[in-house]
Amino acid sequence: MMQSQLHSRKLFSRRWLSSFDSTKPPFTKIMAANRGEIAVRIMRAGTELGCRTVGIFSHEDRYQQHRSKADQAFQVGLGKSPVGAYLDISSIVDVAAANGVQAIHPGYGFLSENTHFAKVCSTKNMTLFNVAFIHKSPSTYIRYLLSCHCNFWL
């Protein structure tokens, strides 16, 4: 690589990084729509970014660690099985909307690849995000999922 190309890449990287305000988190309140260690990690990251965190739990998980690590925790899926509670999209989104959640992190499994969940979040003006990407619209999320599955099978 030539020296001028290397210099322009460094300059571009500095400009791109400086466009972000590192003192202000992108969201002030996030929800971990998962359970266990995954939810604990999401909440820890949110806290490190200066965000308030919201957790959800099923009746069977009411004494689990992920409930106590959140700034706020709410029971979802009343009367449903433990797994069914974490798949109850309407209950999760209603709790998020009622408590001022700006972004929902689905974690892994459960709702992380559910396009209907992405669509419901967008109707409530909430951002659905996961580890690498922030999805502003369901179509972006669907394209991302398709690209993952296509790359997996190649």
Protein backbone atom coordinates (compact mmCIF):
# COMPACT_ATOMS: atom_id res chain seq x y z
CA MET A 1 0.00 0.00 0.00
CA MET A 2 1.29 3.41 -0.92
CA GLN A 3 2.04 5.99 1.74
CA SER A 4 -0.60 8.46 0.45
CA GLN A 5 -3.32 5.78 0.58
CA LEU A 6 -2.35 4.88 4.12
CA HIS A 7 -2.39 8.54 5.18
CA SER A 8 -5.84 9.13 3.66
CA ARG A 9 -7.21 6.05 5.43
CA LYS A 10 -5.91 7.31 8.78
CA LEU A 11 -7.43 10.73 8.09
CA PHE A 12 -10.76 9.19 7.11
CA SER A 13 -10.78 7.06 10.27
CA ARG A 14 -10.04 10.05 12.50
CA ARG A 15 -12.78 12.12 10.85
CA TRP A 16 -15.25 9.26 11.12
CA LEU A 17 -14.45 8.62 14.77
CA SER A 18 -14.58 12.30 15.65
CA SER A 19 -18.12 12.51 14.24
CA PHE A 20 -19.38 10.59 17.27
CA ASP A 21 -19.89 12.35 20.57
CA SER A 22 -18.21 9.94 22.96
CA THR A 23 -19.56 11.76 26.01
CA LYS A 24 -23.19 11.08 25.13
CA PRO A 25 -24.61 7.56 24.73
CA PRO A 26 -26.78 6.94 21.67
CA PHE A 27 -29.69 5.88 23.92
CA THR A 28 -30.61 6.78 27.47
CA LYS A 29 -32.67 3.68 28.23
CA ILE A 30 -32.25 0.19 26.77
CA MET A 31 -34.02 -3.11 27.36
CA ALA A 32 -32.45 -6.56 27.38
CA ALA A 33 -35.17 -8.78 25.90
CA ASN A 34 -33.49 -11.96 27.05
CA ARG A 35 -32.50 -13.81 30.21
CA GLY A 36 -29.49 -15.12 32.09
CA GLU A 37 -25.88 -14.27 31.28
CA ILE A 38 -26.80 -12.68 27.95
CA ALA A 39 -29.08 -10.17 29.66
CA VAL A 40 -26.47 -9.49 32.35
CA ARG A 41 -23.87 -8.66 29.68
CA ILE A 42 -26.27 -6.37 27.82
CA MET A 43 -27.07 -4.54 31.06
CA ARG A 44 -23.42 -4.22 32.00
CA ALA A 45 -22.61 -2.72 28.60
CA GLY A 46 -25.55 -0.33 28.89
CA THR A 47 -24.46 0.77 32.34
CA GLU A 48 -20.89 1.34 31.10
CA LEU A 49 -22.30 3.57 28.36
CA GLY A 50 -24.29 5.56 30.92
CA CYS A 51 -27.69 4.17 29.93
CA ARG A 52 -30.50 3.10 32.23
CA THR A 53 -31.31 -0.58 31.78
CA VAL A 54 -34.59 -2.45 31.76
CA GLY A 55 -34.86 -6.20 32.16
CA ILE A 56 -37.69 -8.63 31.67
CA PHE A 57 -38.33 -11.91 33.44
CA SER A 58 -40.79 -14.77 33.50
CA HIS A 59 -42.48 -15.90 36.68
CA GLU A 60 -39.99 -18.78 36.99
CA ASP A 61 -37.01 -16.41 36.62
CA ARG A 62 -38.14 -13.92 39.27
CA TYR A 63 -35.15 -14.73 41.53
CA GLN A 64 -32.50 -14.87 38.81
CA GLN A 65 -29.49 -12.57 38.61
CA HIS A 66 -30.48 -10.81 35.39
CA ARG A 67 -33.52 -9.35 37.17
CA SER A 68 -31.44 -7.76 39.92
CA LYS A 69 -28.77 -6.37 37.56
CA ALA A 70 -31.28 -4.18 35.71
CA ASP A 71 -32.18 -0.69 36.88
CA GLN A 72 -35.81 -1.70 36.34
CA ALA A 73 -37.26 -5.18 35.79
CA PHE A 74 -40.73 -6.21 34.70
CA GLN A 75 -42.49 -9.54 34.50
CA VAL A 76 -43.73 -10.48 31.03
CA GLY A 77 -45.84 -13.29 29.66
CA LEU A 78 -48.15 -13.78 32.61
CA GLY A 79 -49.61 -17.29 32.57
CA LYS A 80 -47.23 -18.49 29.86
CA SER A 81 -44.44 -21.06 29.99
CA PRO A 82 -40.93 -19.79 30.84
CA VAL A 83 -39.88 -19.79 27.18
CA GLY A 84 -43.27 -18.49 26.04
CA ALA A 85 -42.87 -15.44 28.27
CA TYR A 86 -39.67 -14.41 26.45
CA LEU A 87 -41.40 -14.92 23.09
CA ASP A 88 -44.42 -12.77 23.99
CA ILE A 89 -43.71 -9.88 21.62
CA SER A 90 -46.73 -7.77 22.50
CA SER A 91 -46.03 -7.98 26.23
CA ILE A 92 -42.34 -7.10 25.79
CA VAL A 93 -43.00 -4.15 23.48
CA ASP A 94 -45.83 -2.86 25.69
CA VAL A 95 -43.54 -2.91 28.74
CA ALA A 96 -40.83 -1.11 26.74
CA ALA A 97 -43.22 1.55 25.44
CA ALA A 98 -44.79 2.15 28.85
CA ASN A 99 -41.38 2.69 30.46
CA GLY A 100 -39.69 4.95 27.92
CA VAL A 101 -37.30 2.39 26.45
CA GLN A 102 -35.59 3.76 23.35
CA ALA A 103 -33.83 0.60 22.18
CA ILE A 104 -34.31 -3.13 22.65
CA HIS A 105 -31.47 -5.63 22.50
CA PRO A 106 -32.86 -9.12 21.76
CA GLY A 107 -29.68 -10.94 22.76
CA TYR A 108 -29.25 -14.35 21.13
CA GLY A 109 -31.97 -16.87 20.35
CA PHE A 110 -35.57 -16.08 21.39
CA LEU A 111 -36.33 -12.92 19.36
CA SER A 112 -32.96 -12.14 17.78
CA GLU A 113 -33.98 -13.41 14.33
CA ASN A 114 -37.69 -12.63 14.47
CA THR A 115 -38.63 -10.16 11.75
CA HIS A 116 -42.13 -9.66 13.22
CA PHE A 117 -40.44 -8.38 16.39
CA ALA A 118 -38.46 -5.89 14.31
CA LYS A 119 -41.64 -4.64 12.64
CA VAL A 120 -43.48 -4.22 15.95
CA CYS A 121 -40.52 -2.29 17.41
CA SER A 122 -40.51 0.07 14.44
CA THR A 123 -44.23 0.82 14.85
CA LYS A 124 -43.51 1.93 18.42
CA ASN A 125 -40.50 4.03 17.28
CA MET A 126 -37.99 1.86 19.11
CA THR A 127 -34.65 0.79 17.72
CA LEU A 128 -33.93 -2.91 17.61
CA PHE A 129 -30.25 -3.57 17.91
CA ASN A 130 -27.94 -6.47 18.50
CA VAL A 131 -24.23 -6.99 18.81
CA ALA A 132 -22.93 -5.57 15.54
CA PHE A 133 -25.71 -3.58 13.91
CA ILE A 134 -28.34 -1.03 14.78
CA HIS A 135 -31.46 -1.58 12.72
CA LYS A 136 -33.61 1.49 12.18
CA SER A 137 -36.11 -0.34 10.00
CA PRO A 138 -37.45 -3.88 9.68
CA SER A 139 -36.34 -4.07 6.03
CA THR A 140 -32.73 -3.39 7.06
CA TYR A 141 -32.97 -6.08 9.71
CA ILE A 142 -34.48 -8.56 7.25
CA ARG A 143 -31.70 -7.86 4.73
CA TYR A 144 -29.14 -8.36 7.50
CA LEU A 145 -30.68 -11.69 8.49
CA LEU A 146 -30.81 -12.87 4.90
CA SER A 147 -27.17 -11.96 4.36
CA CYS A 148 -26.20 -13.92 7.47
CA HIS A 149 -28.09 -16.98 6.35
CA CYS A 150 -26.78 -16.72 2.78
CA ASN A 151 -23.19 -16.45 4.00
CA PHE A 152 -23.76 -19.37 6.34
CA TRP A 153 -24.83 -21.68 3.53
CA LEU A 154 -22.09 -20.66 1.08
